[in-house]
Protein backbone atom coordinates (compact mmCIF):
# COMPACT_ATOMS: atom_id res chain seq x y z
CA UNK A 1 -1.91 -10.37 -13.59
CA UNK A 2 -0.82 -7.54 -11.26
CA UNK A 3 -0.17 -7.76 -7.92
CA UNK A 4 -2.15 -5.12 -7.24
CA UNK A 5 -5.64 -2.25 -8.42
CA UNK A 6 -5.61 1.10 -7.66
CA UNK A 7 -9.50 2.11 -7.51
CA UNK A 8 -10.05 6.08 -7.13
CA UNK A 9 -13.61 7.85 -6.70
CA UNK A 10 -13.83 11.79 -6.34
CA UNK A 11 -12.95 11.38 -2.48
CA UNK A 12 -10.84 7.99 -2.19
CA UNK A 13 -8.16 5.95 -3.68
CA UNK A 14 -7.65 2.25 -2.59
CA UNK A 15 -4.92 0.36 -3.09
CA UNK A 16 -5.76 -3.51 -3.20
CA UNK A 17 -2.79 -5.70 -2.58
CA UNK A 18 -3.11 -9.29 -4.07
CA UNK A 19 -0.28 -12.20 -4.45
CA UNK A 20 3.00 -11.08 -4.21
CA UNK A 21 4.18 -7.40 -4.46
CA UNK A 22 7.92 -7.47 -5.06
CA UNK A 23 10.51 -4.82 -6.39
CA UNK A 24 9.65 -6.06 -10.44
CA UNK A 25 6.07 -4.19 -9.56
CA UNK A 26 7.62 -1.25 -7.47
CA UNK A 27 7.85 1.06 -9.98
CA UNK A 28 4.38 0.53 -11.54
CA UNK A 29 2.79 0.89 -8.11
CA UNK A 30 4.66 4.14 -7.30
CA UNK A 31 3.44 5.58 -10.88
CA UNK A 32 -0.13 4.39 -10.04
CA UNK A 33 -0.18 6.03 -6.99
CA UNK A 34 1.20 9.41 -7.81
CA UNK A 35 -1.32 9.34 -10.46
CA UNK A 36 -4.57 8.46 -8.29
CA UNK A 37 -3.04 10.75 -5.56
CA UNK A 38 -2.60 13.95 -7.76
CA UNK A 39 -5.64 15.50 -6.45
CA UNK A 40 -6.24 15.12 -2.26
CA UNK A 41 -8.43 11.73 -1.69
CA UNK A 42 -8.81 9.80 1.29
CA UNK A 43 -5.83 6.56 1.08
CA UNK A 44 -6.46 3.02 1.79
CA UNK A 45 -4.44 -0.16 1.93
CA UNK A 46 -6.20 -3.30 1.25
CA UNK A 47 -4.01 -5.80 2.25
CA UNK A 48 -6.52 -8.67 2.98
CA UNK A 49 -4.94 -11.00 -0.19
CA UNK A 50 -1.52 -10.00 0.15
CA UNK A 51 0.79 -13.15 0.02
CA UNK A 52 4.21 -11.48 0.19
CA UNK A 53 5.42 -7.65 -0.08
CA UNK A 54 9.27 -6.45 -0.18
CA UNK A 55 11.17 -3.57 1.25
CA UNK A 56 10.68 -1.62 -2.29
CA UNK A 57 6.76 -1.85 -2.03
CA UNK A 58 6.63 -1.05 1.28
CA UNK A 59 9.12 2.18 0.68
CA UNK A 60 6.29 3.47 -2.20
CA UNK A 61 3.47 2.50 -0.12
CA UNK A 62 5.10 4.28 3.20
CA UNK A 63 5.85 7.42 1.45
CA UNK A 64 1.76 7.43 0.06
CA UNK A 65 0.44 6.61 3.37
CA UNK A 66 2.75 10.02 5.04
CA UNK A 67 1.81 12.04 1.94
CA UNK A 68 -2.03 11.37 2.39
CA UNK A 69 -2.40 10.31 6.31
CA UNK A 70 -3.69 7.00 4.62
CA UNK A 71 -4.37 3.97 6.52
CA UNK A 72 -4.63 0.02 6.34
CA UNK A 73 -7.85 -1.23 5.88
CA UNK A 74 -8.89 -3.87 8.56
CA UNK A 75 -8.04 -7.44 8.12
CA UNK A 76 -4.77 -7.14 6.56
CA UNK A 77 -3.24 -10.79 5.60
CA UNK A 78 -0.74 -12.44 7.89
CA UNK A 79 1.72 -11.22 5.26
CA UNK A 80 1.57 -7.94 5.75
CA UNK A 81 1.86 -7.32 9.52
CA UNK A 82 4.55 -10.34 9.36
CA UNK A 83 6.69 -7.80 6.99
CA UNK A 84 6.32 -4.66 9.06
CA UNK A 85 7.26 -6.35 12.16
CA UNK A 86 10.31 -7.85 10.27
CA UNK A 87 11.68 -4.37 8.61
CA UNK A 88 10.30 -2.39 12.05
CA UNK A 89 7.68 -0.76 10.31
CA UNK A 90 4.55 -1.24 12.21
CA UNK A 91 4.84 2.03 14.12
CA UNK A 92 5.11 4.21 10.73
CA UNK A 93 2.14 2.56 9.67
CA UNK A 94 0.02 2.47 12.59
CA UNK A 95 1.08 6.35 13.11
CA UNK A 96 -1.19 7.57 10.15
């Protein structure tokens, strides 16, 4: 089972994070987001079911957020906030 699912409509893309998102999934995540965001769409990260995330996956998500002015959906799991705080990225994701 994948640790993420990217869903798209004509106007939006949402990546749902589930379980542990580690360096092993980072390249697949990058490819999936690049494909989903080829055309302009609103972008949302749903981290409600996230258990753990590493720096490689956060880098991929930060690049997507900055490119699209994406946002993190309310209700993110504690693992999301803990990872952002530990890596000093809270402001980077909040600014978008």
